[in-house]
Amino acid sequence: MLEKYAERGLSAFSDYEVLEFLLTYAFSRIDTKPLAKELLTRYGTVSAVINAPFDELCEIKGLGRRSAALLTLVKDMIVYSLKEGVIDKPVITQRGDVENYLRSRLSERRDEHVIALYLDNGNRVLGDEIVAEGTVNRCVVFPRKVMEGAMKRSAASFILVHNHPGGTAAASEEDWKTTERLYNAGKQIDIPMLDHIIISKDKAVSLREFKRWPE
């Protein structure tokens, strides 16, 4: 499999072979094909496998902590490398990179998560923080937590981002109410909210582009 990868890359592999090849680095003397097929049957896609919770992977018979860590490490390294592409870079000219980074963090999560992306005066990303976690279809965001994160980083502005697990990227009424609350909170302390982005598996929607945006 190593020679196949060296000569032709992952494009020559089937989905289960991608996992089979990766797992050989945790099980050097064991046939990893059955385990790879089992993971693919259970989760459906390679992406879903590497995005599965570490503790959940550890419970799968035959996998173990070492190989579970290998799988989640792949995902974490993808997120890490994408984060390097947005930190300290202009968000306006790097919007595609920012969306890719956010999607890598949120698109495969099973419950709603809200991230605040904090920016400096040049619209460069200072950092981000998960400010709320919820259920599959609901997540409560407290403006105070978002504002505290902004002040801690001396941010000039912020962008709110959240995911819609298994759904479309269309904004709900609750999404708009959250937008209005956070927009007004930021306005009061002169740290404006620049956008609210909704991430689904295959799409990112900017609420700022809609007429209902608070401005």
C-alpha atoms as a PDB file:
ATOM      1  CA  MET A   1       0.000   0.000   0.000  1.00  0.00           C
ATOM      2  CA  LEU A   2       2.920   2.292   0.673  1.00  0.00           C
ATOM      3  CA  GLU A   3       4.251   1.781  -2.854  1.00  0.00           C
ATOM      4  CA  LYS A   4       0.791   2.342  -4.302  1.00  0.00           C
ATOM      5  CA  TYR A   5       0.479   5.585  -2.359  1.00  0.00           C
ATOM      6  CA  ALA A   6       4.004   6.729  -3.281  1.00  0.00           C
ATOM      7  CA  GLU A   7       3.371   6.161  -6.983  1.00  0.00           C
ATOM      8  CA  ARG A   8      -0.256   7.219  -7.383  1.00  0.00           C
ATOM      9  CA  GLY A   9      -1.409   9.019  -4.229  1.00  0.00           C
ATOM     10  CA  LEU A  10      -4.741   8.635  -2.449  1.00  0.00           C
ATOM     11  CA  SER A  11      -6.669   9.054  -5.711  1.00  0.00           C
ATOM     12  CA  ALA A  12      -5.810   5.418  -6.457  1.00  0.00           C
ATOM     13  CA  PHE A  13      -7.410   4.231  -3.201  1.00  0.00           C
ATOM     14  CA  SER A  14     -10.989   3.294  -2.440  1.00  0.00           C
ATOM     15  CA  ASP A  15     -12.518   4.777   0.712  1.00  0.00           C
ATOM     16  CA  TYR A  16     -11.843   1.742   2.879  1.00  0.00           C
ATOM     17  CA  GLU A  17      -8.274   1.541   1.553  1.00  0.00           C
ATOM     18  CA  VAL A  18      -7.595   5.079   2.782  1.00  0.00           C
ATOM     19  CA  LEU A  19      -8.469   3.962   6.305  1.00  0.00           C
ATOM     20  CA  GLU A  20      -6.752   0.607   5.850  1.00  0.00           C
ATOM     21  CA  PHE A  21      -3.502   2.322   4.863  1.00  0.00           C
ATOM     22  CA  LEU A  22      -3.696   4.818   7.732  1.00  0.00           C
ATOM     23  CA  LEU A  23      -4.345   2.100  10.293  1.00  0.00           C
ATOM     24  CA  THR A  24      -1.204   0.187   9.234  1.00  0.00           C
ATOM     25  CA  TYR A  25       0.754   2.869  11.111  1.00  0.00           C
ATOM     26  CA  ALA A  26      -0.956   1.769  14.312  1.00  0.00           C
ATOM     27  CA  PHE A  27      -1.088  -1.974  13.507  1.00  0.00           C
ATOM     28  CA  SER A  28       2.051  -2.792  11.550  1.00  0.00           C
ATOM     29  CA  ARG A  29       1.602  -6.590  11.681  1.00  0.00           C
ATOM     30  CA  ILE A  30      -2.176  -6.938  11.470  1.00  0.00           C
ATOM     31  CA  ASP A  31      -4.479  -6.966   8.440  1.00  0.00           C
ATOM     32  CA  THR A  32      -6.339  -3.686   8.893  1.00  0.00           C
ATOM     33  CA  LYS A  33      -8.788  -4.159   6.012  1.00  0.00           C
ATOM     34  CA  PRO A  34     -11.631  -5.673   8.118  1.00  0.00           C
ATOM     35  CA  LEU A  35     -11.358  -2.886  10.700  1.00  0.00           C
ATOM     36  CA  ALA A  36     -11.274  -0.223   7.978  1.00  0.00           C
ATOM     37  CA  LYS A  37     -14.411  -1.654   6.367  1.00  0.00           C
ATOM     38  CA  GLU A  38     -16.141  -1.850   9.748  1.00  0.00           C
ATOM     39  CA  LEU A  39     -15.384   1.831  10.437  1.00  0.00           C
ATOM     40  CA  LEU A  40     -16.657   2.848   7.013  1.00  0.00           C
ATOM     41  CA  THR A  41     -19.852   0.830   7.467  1.00  0.00           C
ATOM     42  CA  ARG A  42     -20.420   2.402  10.878  1.00  0.00           C
ATOM     43  CA  TYR A  43     -19.711   6.040   9.978  1.00  0.00           C
ATOM     44  CA  GLY A  44     -20.347   6.194   6.227  1.00  0.00           C
ATOM     45  CA  THR A  45     -17.404   8.324   5.115  1.00  0.00           C
ATOM     46  CA  VAL A  46     -13.709   8.762   5.836  1.00  0.00           C
ATOM     47  CA  SER A  47     -14.455  12.308   6.977  1.00  0.00           C
ATOM     48  CA  ALA A  48     -17.012  11.077   9.497  1.00  0.00           C
ATOM     49  CA  VAL A  49     -14.508   8.533  10.844  1.00  0.00           C
ATOM     50  CA  ILE A  50     -11.752  11.066  11.561  1.00  0.00           C
ATOM     51  CA  ASN A  51     -14.331  13.485  12.992  1.00  0.00           C
ATOM     52  CA  ALA A  52     -15.761  10.905  15.382  1.00  0.00           C
ATOM     53  CA  PRO A  53     -15.168  11.609  19.100  1.00  0.00           C
ATOM     54  CA  PHE A  54     -11.967  10.094  20.473  1.00  0.00           C
ATOM     55  CA  ASP A  55     -13.741   8.365  23.381  1.00  0.00           C
ATOM     56  CA  GLU A  56     -16.272   6.827  21.007  1.00  0.00           C
ATOM     57  CA  LEU A  57     -13.545   5.464  18.731  1.00  0.00           C
ATOM     58  CA  CYS A  58     -11.755   3.969  21.736  1.00  0.00           C
ATOM     59  CA  GLU A  59     -14.809   1.858  22.493  1.00  0.00           C
ATOM     60  CA  ILE A  60     -14.797   0.143  19.083  1.00  0.00           C
ATOM     61  CA  LYS A  61     -13.597  -3.429  19.420  1.00  0.00           C
ATOM     62  CA  GLY A  62     -10.137  -3.913  17.955  1.00  0.00           C
ATOM     63  CA  LEU A  63      -9.316  -0.226  17.598  1.00  0.00           C
ATOM     64  CA  GLY A  64      -7.830   0.910  20.912  1.00  0.00           C
ATOM     65  CA  ARG A  65      -6.523   4.264  22.127  1.00  0.00           C
ATOM     66  CA  ARG A  66      -3.410   4.383  19.931  1.00  0.00           C
ATOM     67  CA  SER A  67      -5.250   3.926  16.638  1.00  0.00           C
ATOM     68  CA  ALA A  68      -8.154   6.114  17.806  1.00  0.00           C
ATOM     69  CA  ALA A  69      -5.641   8.863  18.516  1.00  0.00           C
ATOM     70  CA  LEU A  70      -4.134   8.389  15.050  1.00  0.00           C
ATOM     71  CA  LEU A  71      -7.523   8.878  13.390  1.00  0.00           C
ATOM     72  CA  THR A  72      -8.450  11.982  15.382  1.00  0.00           C
ATOM     73  CA  LEU A  73      -4.919  13.363  14.944  1.00  0.00           C
ATOM     74  CA  VAL A  74      -5.474  13.479  11.174  1.00  0.00           C
ATOM     75  CA  LYS A  75      -8.505  15.706  11.637  1.00  0.00           C
ATOM     76  CA  ASP A  76      -6.811  17.884  14.247  1.00  0.00           C
ATOM     77  CA  MET A  77      -3.792  18.419  11.977  1.00  0.00           C
ATOM     78  CA  ILE A  78      -6.081  19.474   9.124  1.00  0.00           C
ATOM     79  CA  VAL A  79      -7.748  22.020  11.420  1.00  0.00           C
ATOM     80  CA  TYR A  80      -4.348  23.161  12.709  1.00  0.00           C
ATOM     81  CA  SER A  81      -2.944  23.722   9.218  1.00  0.00           C
ATOM     82  CA  LEU A  82      -6.066  25.587   8.066  1.00  0.00           C
ATOM     83  CA  LYS A  83      -5.905  27.740  11.200  1.00  0.00           C
ATOM     84  CA  GLU A  84      -2.332  28.703  10.275  1.00  0.00           C
ATOM     85  CA  GLY A  85      -3.760  29.971   7.004  1.00  0.00           C
ATOM     86  CA  VAL A  86      -6.106  32.458   8.676  1.00  0.00           C
ATOM     87  CA  ILE A  87      -4.413  33.631  11.874  1.00  0.00           C
ATOM     88  CA  ASP A  88      -2.857  37.090  11.346  1.00  0.00           C
ATOM     89  CA  LYS A  89      -4.042  37.209   7.722  1.00  0.00           C
ATOM     90  CA  PRO A  90      -6.655  39.631   6.346  1.00  0.00           C
ATOM     91  CA  VAL A  91     -10.061  38.020   6.683  1.00  0.00           C
ATOM     92  CA  ILE A  92     -11.585  39.980   3.816  1.00  0.00           C
ATOM     93  CA  THR A  93      -9.120  38.762   1.199  1.00  0.00           C
ATOM     94  CA  GLN A  94      -8.869  35.292   2.713  1.00  0.00           C
ATOM     95  CA  ARG A  95     -12.572  34.583   3.174  1.00  0.00           C
ATOM     96  CA  GLY A  96     -12.347  31.253   1.355  1.00  0.00           C
ATOM     97  CA  ASP A  97      -9.579  30.111   3.699  1.00  0.00           C
ATOM     98  CA  VAL A  98     -11.577  31.233   6.720  1.00  0.00           C
ATOM     99  CA  GLU A  99     -14.666  29.323   5.567  1.00  0.00           C
ATOM    100  CA  ASN A 100     -12.605  26.190   4.907  1.00  0.00           C
ATOM    101  CA  TYR A 101     -11.131  26.425   8.382  1.00  0.00           C
ATOM    102  CA  LEU A 102     -14.525  26.925   9.994  1.00  0.00           C
ATOM    103  CA  ARG A 103     -16.053  24.090   7.992  1.00  0.00           C
ATOM    104  CA  SER A 104     -13.247  21.759   9.060  1.00  0.00           C
ATOM    105  CA  ARG A 105     -14.060  22.574  12.679  1.00  0.00           C
ATOM    106  CA  LEU A 106     -17.842  22.463  12.494  1.00  0.00           C
ATOM    107  CA  SER A 107     -19.328  20.659   9.510  1.00  0.00           C
ATOM    108  CA  GLU A 108     -19.050  17.119  10.916  1.00  0.00           C
ATOM    109  CA  ARG A 109     -20.075  17.926  14.500  1.00  0.00           C
ATOM    110  CA  ARG A 110     -23.259  16.203  15.581  1.00  0.00           C
ATOM    111  CA  ASP A 111     -24.517  19.024  17.815  1.00  0.00           C
ATOM    112  CA  GLU A 112     -24.705  22.761  17.276  1.00  0.00           C
ATOM    113  CA  HIS A 113     -21.577  24.675  18.243  1.00  0.00           C
ATOM    114  CA  VAL A 114     -21.020  28.418  18.117  1.00  0.00           C
ATOM    115  CA  ILE A 115     -17.589  29.929  17.500  1.00  0.00           C
ATOM    116  CA  ALA A 116     -16.574  33.559  17.921  1.00  0.00           C
ATOM    117  CA  LEU A 117     -13.810  34.615  15.537  1.00  0.00           C
ATOM    118  CA  TYR A 118     -11.981  37.658  16.935  1.00  0.00           C
ATOM    119  CA  LEU A 119     -10.334  40.246  14.659  1.00  0.00           C
ATOM    120  CA  ASP A 120      -7.954  43.171  15.060  1.00  0.00           C
ATOM    121  CA  ASN A 121      -8.204  46.605  13.432  1.00  0.00           C
ATOM    122  CA  GLY A 122      -6.837  45.224  10.166  1.00  0.00           C
ATOM    123  CA  ASN A 123      -9.454  42.451  10.080  1.00  0.00           C
ATOM    124  CA  ARG A 124      -6.788  39.858  10.851  1.00  0.00           C
ATOM    125  CA  VAL A 125      -7.820  36.880  12.940  1.00  0.00           C
ATOM    126  CA  LEU A 126      -6.512  37.080  16.511  1.00  0.00           C
ATOM    127  CA  GLY A 127      -8.026  33.768  17.552  1.00  0.00           C
ATOM    128  CA  ASP A 128     -11.277  31.922  18.018  1.00  0.00           C
ATOM    129  CA  GLU A 129     -13.264  30.329  20.807  1.00  0.00           C
ATOM    130  CA  ILE A 130     -16.206  27.937  21.087  1.00  0.00           C
ATOM    131  CA  VAL A 131     -18.671  30.101  23.015  1.00  0.00           C
ATOM    132  CA  ALA A 132     -21.654  27.735  23.103  1.00  0.00           C
ATOM    133  CA  GLU A 133     -22.521  24.070  22.633  1.00  0.00           C
ATOM    134  CA  GLY A 134     -26.021  22.707  22.269  1.00  0.00           C
ATOM    135  CA  THR A 135     -28.179  19.922  20.904  1.00  0.00           C
ATOM    136  CA  VAL A 136     -28.635  18.803  17.330  1.00  0.00           C
ATOM    137  CA  ASN A 137     -30.949  21.740  16.579  1.00  0.00           C
ATOM    138  CA  ARG A 138     -30.568  24.322  19.341  1.00  0.00           C
ATOM    139  CA  CYS A 139     -27.761  26.260  20.968  1.00  0.00           C
ATOM    140  CA  VAL A 140     -28.007  29.186  23.396  1.00  0.00           C
ATOM    141  CA  VAL A 141     -25.374  31.910  23.073  1.00  0.00           C
ATOM    142  CA  PHE A 142     -24.719  34.298  25.954  1.00  0.00           C
ATOM    143  CA  PRO A 143     -23.509  37.716  24.719  1.00  0.00           C
ATOM    144  CA  ARG A 144     -21.442  38.214  27.879  1.00  0.00           C
ATOM    145  CA  LYS A 145     -19.218  35.223  27.076  1.00  0.00           C
ATOM    146  CA  VAL A 146     -18.588  36.494  23.544  1.00  0.00           C
ATOM    147  CA  MET A 147     -17.803  40.009  24.752  1.00  0.00           C
ATOM    148  CA  GLU A 148     -15.460  38.728  27.463  1.00  0.00           C
ATOM    149  CA  GLY A 149     -13.520  36.800  24.820  1.00  0.00           C
ATOM    150  CA  ALA A 150     -13.297  39.909  22.665  1.00  0.00           C
ATOM    151  CA  MET A 151     -12.003  42.093  25.483  1.00  0.00           C
ATOM    152  CA  LYS A 152      -9.527  39.440  26.629  1.00  0.00           C
ATOM    153  CA  ARG A 153      -7.963  39.492  23.157  1.00  0.00           C
ATOM    154  CA  SER A 154      -8.300  43.273  22.724  1.00  0.00           C
ATOM    155  CA  ALA A 155     -10.322  42.550  19.597  1.00  0.00           C
ATOM    156  CA  ALA A 156     -11.607  45.351  17.395  1.00  0.00           C
ATOM    157  CA  SER A 157     -14.491  43.265  16.026  1.00  0.00           C
ATOM    158  CA  PHE A 158     -15.787  39.712  15.815  1.00  0.00           C
ATOM    159  CA  ILE A 159     -17.592  37.254  13.568  1.00  0.00           C
ATOM    160  CA  LEU A 160     -20.057  34.720  14.934  1.00  0.00           C
ATOM    161  CA  VAL A 161     -20.135  31.274  13.330  1.00  0.00           C
ATOM    162  CA  HIS A 162     -22.292  28.248  14.016  1.00  0.00           C
ATOM    163  CA  ASN A 163     -23.129  24.953  12.354  1.00  0.00           C
ATOM    164  CA  HIS A 164     -26.351  23.254  11.320  1.00  0.00           C
ATOM    165  CA  PRO A 165     -25.676  19.533  11.845  1.00  0.00           C
ATOM    166  CA  GLY A 166     -27.289  17.471   9.126  1.00  0.00           C
ATOM    167  CA  GLY A 167     -29.363  20.397   7.882  1.00  0.00           C
ATOM    168  CA  THR A 168     -29.272  23.282   5.450  1.00  0.00           C
ATOM    169  CA  ALA A 169     -27.407  26.526   6.016  1.00  0.00           C
ATOM    170  CA  ALA A 170     -30.650  28.548   6.000  1.00  0.00           C
ATOM    171  CA  ALA A 171     -31.062  30.874   8.991  1.00  0.00           C
ATOM    172  CA  SER A 172     -33.847  30.145  11.473  1.00  0.00           C
ATOM    173  CA  GLU A 173     -35.802  32.752  13.415  1.00  0.00           C
ATOM    174  CA  GLU A 174     -33.703  31.914  16.474  1.00  0.00           C
ATOM    175  CA  ASP A 175     -30.531  32.512  14.418  1.00  0.00           C
ATOM    176  CA  TRP A 176     -31.732  36.013  13.597  1.00  0.00           C
ATOM    177  CA  LYS A 177     -32.633  36.740  17.212  1.00  0.00           C
ATOM    178  CA  THR A 178     -29.156  35.633  18.265  1.00  0.00           C
ATOM    179  CA  THR A 179     -27.662  37.859  15.583  1.00  0.00           C
ATOM    180  CA  GLU A 180     -29.597  40.877  16.835  1.00  0.00           C
ATOM    181  CA  ARG A 181     -28.612  40.235  20.487  1.00  0.00           C
ATOM    182  CA  LEU A 182     -24.914  39.863  19.687  1.00  0.00           C
ATOM    183  CA  TYR A 183     -24.939  42.791  17.252  1.00  0.00           C
ATOM    184  CA  ASN A 184     -26.437  45.083  19.910  1.00  0.00           C
ATOM    185  CA  ALA A 185     -24.065  43.793  22.603  1.00  0.00           C
ATOM    186  CA  GLY A 186     -21.063  44.521  20.412  1.00  0.00           C
ATOM    187  CA  LYS A 187     -22.377  47.953  19.536  1.00  0.00           C
ATOM    188  CA  GLN A 188     -22.691  48.885  23.212  1.00  0.00           C
ATOM    189  CA  ILE A 189     -18.986  48.275  23.913  1.00  0.00           C
ATOM    190  CA  ASP A 190     -17.736  49.437  20.489  1.00  0.00           C
ATOM    191  CA  ILE A 191     -16.655  45.962  19.333  1.00  0.00           C
ATOM    192  CA  PRO A 192     -18.873  45.490  16.272  1.00  0.00           C
ATOM    193  CA  MET A 193     -20.132  42.166  14.992  1.00  0.00           C
ATOM    194  CA  LEU A 194     -19.092  41.986  11.337  1.00  0.00           C
ATOM    195  CA  ASP A 195     -20.963  38.865  10.282  1.00  0.00           C
ATOM    196  CA  HIS A 196     -22.800  35.741  11.375  1.00  0.00           C
ATOM    197  CA  ILE A 197     -21.888  32.743   9.245  1.00  0.00           C
ATOM    198  CA  ILE A 198     -23.829  29.472   9.199  1.00  0.00           C
ATOM    199  CA  ILE A 199     -21.925  26.333   8.190  1.00  0.00           C
ATOM    200  CA  SER A 200     -23.488  23.174   6.812  1.00  0.00           C
ATOM    201  CA  LYS A 201     -21.701  20.174   5.319  1.00  0.00           C
ATOM    202  CA  ASP A 202     -21.446  21.715   1.869  1.00  0.00           C
ATOM    203  CA  LYS A 203     -22.283  25.394   2.231  1.00  0.00           C
ATOM    204  CA  ALA A 204     -21.483  28.555   4.176  1.00  0.00           C
ATOM    205  CA  VAL A 205     -24.042  31.374   4.385  1.00  0.00           C
ATOM    206  CA  SER A 206     -23.298  34.946   5.467  1.00  0.00           C
ATOM    207  CA  LEU A 207     -26.243  36.597   7.228  1.00  0.00           C
ATOM    208  CA  ARG A 208     -24.708  40.003   6.583  1.00  0.00           C
ATOM    209  CA  GLU A 209     -25.687  39.591   2.938  1.00  0.00           C
ATOM    210  CA  PHE A 210     -29.393  39.573   3.837  1.00  0.00           C
ATOM    211  CA  LYS A 211     -31.590  42.652   4.161  1.00  0.00           C
ATOM    212  CA  ARG A 212     -32.531  41.632   7.694  1.00  0.00           C
ATOM    213  CA  TRP A 213     -28.988  42.280   8.939  1.00  0.00           C
ATOM    214  CA  PRO A 214     -29.322  44.699  11.924  1.00  0.00           C
ATOM    215  CA  GLU A 215     -27.675  47.652  10.151  1.00  0.00           C
END
